[in-house]
Amino acid sequence: MHETGLTIARVARQAGVGIQTVRYYERRGLVEQPERDRGAYRRYGSAHVDRIRFIRRAQDLGFSLEEIQSLLELEDGTDRRSIRRIAGAHLEDTRRRIADLRRIERVLAHLLHECETHQKAPRCPIIAAISGETELAAPAAGR
């Protein structure tokens, strides 16, 4: 098969995404839409597959489509400072989200414990906390 001989279905299959995902990436400007051939079909090349795989792997690492667009603009890899800036900002955001999830975990574990140990309370501590009747606080980490 020659370089520009792939249908959108084949590109999607090879990249491990759906056809609608390919179209969405095209609308977002992440993937260039090829011209139509004489049969009125768009024919894609292996570079399209590689680019879509790049996007999916970046999404698997939690990068937003905006961040991915920036990385794609730097795909030749020569502007490492800009690449590090994008990845560093993403790492900081990831660390913040992990800290938030750990806090949520402590709160939920505390509420579950309270619900189990205060069986005779008029209202379940979990419902009371979510309703705002009590504070959604957990013991400090390590307690």
Protein backbone atom coordinates (compact mmCIF):
# COMPACT_ATOMS: atom_id res chain seq x y z
CA MET A 1 0.00 0.00 0.00
CA HIS A 2 1.45 3.40 -0.90
CA GLU A 3 1.99 6.24 1.59
CA THR A 4 -1.36 7.93 1.13
CA GLY A 5 -3.52 4.88 0.75
CA LEU A 6 -5.20 4.45 4.13
CA THR A 7 -8.88 5.06 4.68
CA ILE A 8 -10.02 6.83 7.83
CA ALA A 9 -11.28 3.51 9.18
CA ARG A 10 -7.89 1.90 8.71
CA VAL A 11 -6.04 4.84 10.24
CA ALA A 12 -8.36 4.73 13.23
CA ARG A 13 -7.91 0.98 13.63
CA GLN A 14 -4.11 1.16 13.35
CA ALA A 15 -3.96 4.04 15.82
CA GLY A 16 -6.31 2.30 18.25
CA VAL A 17 -9.05 4.95 18.19
CA GLY A 18 -12.50 5.35 16.69
CA ILE A 19 -13.28 7.12 13.44
CA GLN A 20 -15.05 9.89 15.35
CA THR A 21 -11.87 10.46 17.35
CA VAL A 22 -9.90 10.97 14.14
CA ARG A 23 -12.51 13.44 12.93
CA TYR A 24 -12.48 15.23 16.28
CA TYR A 25 -8.70 15.57 16.17
CA GLU A 26 -9.02 16.96 12.64
CA ARG A 27 -11.61 19.53 13.76
CA ARG A 28 -9.34 20.53 16.66
CA GLY A 29 -6.43 20.99 14.25
CA LEU A 30 -4.36 18.26 15.89
CA VAL A 31 -4.33 16.10 12.76
CA GLU A 32 -4.18 17.45 9.24
CA GLN A 33 -7.10 16.39 7.08
CA PRO A 34 -5.84 15.06 3.74
CA GLU A 35 -7.28 16.17 0.43
CA ARG A 36 -9.88 14.01 -1.26
CA ASP A 37 -8.71 11.73 -4.03
CA ARG A 38 -10.48 11.22 -7.35
CA GLY A 39 -12.94 8.83 -5.70
CA ALA A 40 -13.91 11.58 -3.24
CA TYR A 41 -12.30 9.65 -0.37
CA ARG A 42 -9.67 11.03 1.92
CA ARG A 43 -6.50 8.95 1.93
CA TYR A 44 -4.25 9.03 4.96
CA GLY A 45 -0.61 8.12 5.40
CA SER A 46 1.39 6.41 8.09
CA ALA A 47 2.35 9.83 9.48
CA HIS A 48 -1.32 10.31 10.41
CA VAL A 49 -1.27 7.05 12.36
CA ASP A 50 1.92 8.08 14.16
CA ARG A 51 0.49 11.49 15.06
CA ILE A 52 -2.76 10.02 16.40
CA ARG A 53 -0.78 7.51 18.47
CA PHE A 54 1.29 10.39 19.86
CA ILE A 55 -1.90 12.21 20.85
CA ARG A 56 -3.36 9.11 22.52
CA ARG A 57 -0.16 8.39 24.46
CA ALA A 58 0.00 12.00 25.62
CA GLN A 59 -3.64 11.78 26.71
CA ASP A 60 -2.82 8.56 28.58
CA LEU A 61 -0.25 10.62 30.51
CA GLY A 62 -2.99 13.10 31.34
CA PHE A 63 -1.96 15.93 29.01
CA SER A 64 -4.84 18.13 27.87
CA LEU A 65 -5.50 18.64 24.17
CA GLU A 66 -4.20 22.20 24.52
CA GLU A 67 -0.94 20.89 26.00
CA ILE A 68 -0.76 18.24 23.29
CA GLN A 69 -1.20 20.92 20.61
CA SER A 70 1.77 22.76 22.10
CA LEU A 71 3.83 19.56 22.20
CA LEU A 72 2.93 18.81 18.58
CA GLU A 73 4.20 22.25 17.60
CA LEU A 74 7.48 21.26 19.25
CA GLU A 75 7.57 17.70 17.91
CA ASP A 76 10.98 18.05 16.28
CA GLY A 77 12.29 18.03 19.87
CA THR A 78 14.82 20.83 19.46
CA ASP A 79 13.17 23.34 21.84
CA ARG A 80 13.66 21.26 24.95
CA ARG A 81 13.19 24.22 27.27
CA SER A 82 9.61 24.69 26.05
CA ILE A 83 8.94 20.95 26.18
CA ARG A 84 10.26 20.80 29.76
CA ARG A 85 8.12 23.81 30.70
CA ILE A 86 4.95 22.11 29.42
CA ALA A 87 5.82 18.76 31.00
CA GLY A 88 6.90 20.43 34.25
CA ALA A 89 3.66 22.36 34.56
CA HIS A 90 1.74 19.15 33.88
CA LEU A 91 3.77 17.32 36.54
CA GLU A 92 2.96 20.02 39.11
CA ASP A 93 -0.73 19.82 38.24
CA THR A 94 -0.59 16.02 38.53
CA ARG A 95 1.04 16.28 41.96
CA ARG A 96 -1.65 18.74 43.08
CA ARG A 97 -4.39 16.38 41.91
CA ILE A 98 -2.72 13.46 43.70
CA ALA A 99 -2.62 15.52 46.90
CA ASP A 100 -6.30 16.35 46.46
CA LEU A 101 -7.14 12.67 45.94
CA ARG A 102 -5.18 11.72 49.07
CA ARG A 103 -7.16 14.31 51.05
CA ILE A 104 -10.41 12.92 49.64
CA GLU A 105 -9.27 9.42 50.55
CA ARG A 106 -8.59 10.47 54.17
CA VAL A 107 -11.96 12.23 54.44
CA LEU A 108 -13.86 9.25 53.06
CA ALA A 109 -11.99 6.76 55.24
CA HIS A 110 -12.71 8.94 58.28
CA LEU A 111 -16.39 9.25 57.39
CA LEU A 112 -16.70 5.49 56.85
CA HIS A 113 -15.10 4.89 60.23
CA GLU A 114 -17.45 7.42 61.86
CA CYS A 115 -20.46 5.78 60.24
CA GLU A 116 -19.40 2.35 61.46
CA THR A 117 -18.59 3.42 65.02
CA HIS A 118 -21.59 5.70 65.55
CA GLN A 119 -24.36 3.31 64.60
CA LYS A 120 -26.79 4.92 67.05
CA ALA A 121 -26.31 8.47 65.75
CA PRO A 122 -29.58 9.98 64.46
CA ARG A 123 -28.06 10.62 61.03
CA CYS A 124 -25.30 8.83 59.17
CA PRO A 125 -22.09 10.91 59.42
CA ILE A 126 -21.46 10.42 55.70
CA ILE A 127 -24.81 11.92 54.70
CA ALA A 128 -24.50 14.65 57.33
CA ALA A 129 -21.07 15.68 56.07
CA ILE A 130 -22.07 15.68 52.40
CA SER A 131 -25.22 17.64 53.27
CA GLY A 132 -23.08 20.26 55.01
CA GLU A 133 -24.47 19.54 58.48
CA THR A 134 -20.99 18.62 59.70
CA GLU A 135 -17.54 19.49 58.46
CA LEU A 136 -15.86 17.39 55.76
CA ALA A 137 -12.66 17.18 57.74
CA ALA A 138 -10.39 14.23 58.17
CA PRO A 139 -7.69 13.57 60.68
CA ALA A 140 -4.28 14.88 59.67
CA ALA A 141 -2.22 12.61 57.46
CA GLY A 142 -0.52 9.90 59.42
CA ARG A 143 -3.12 9.72 62.21
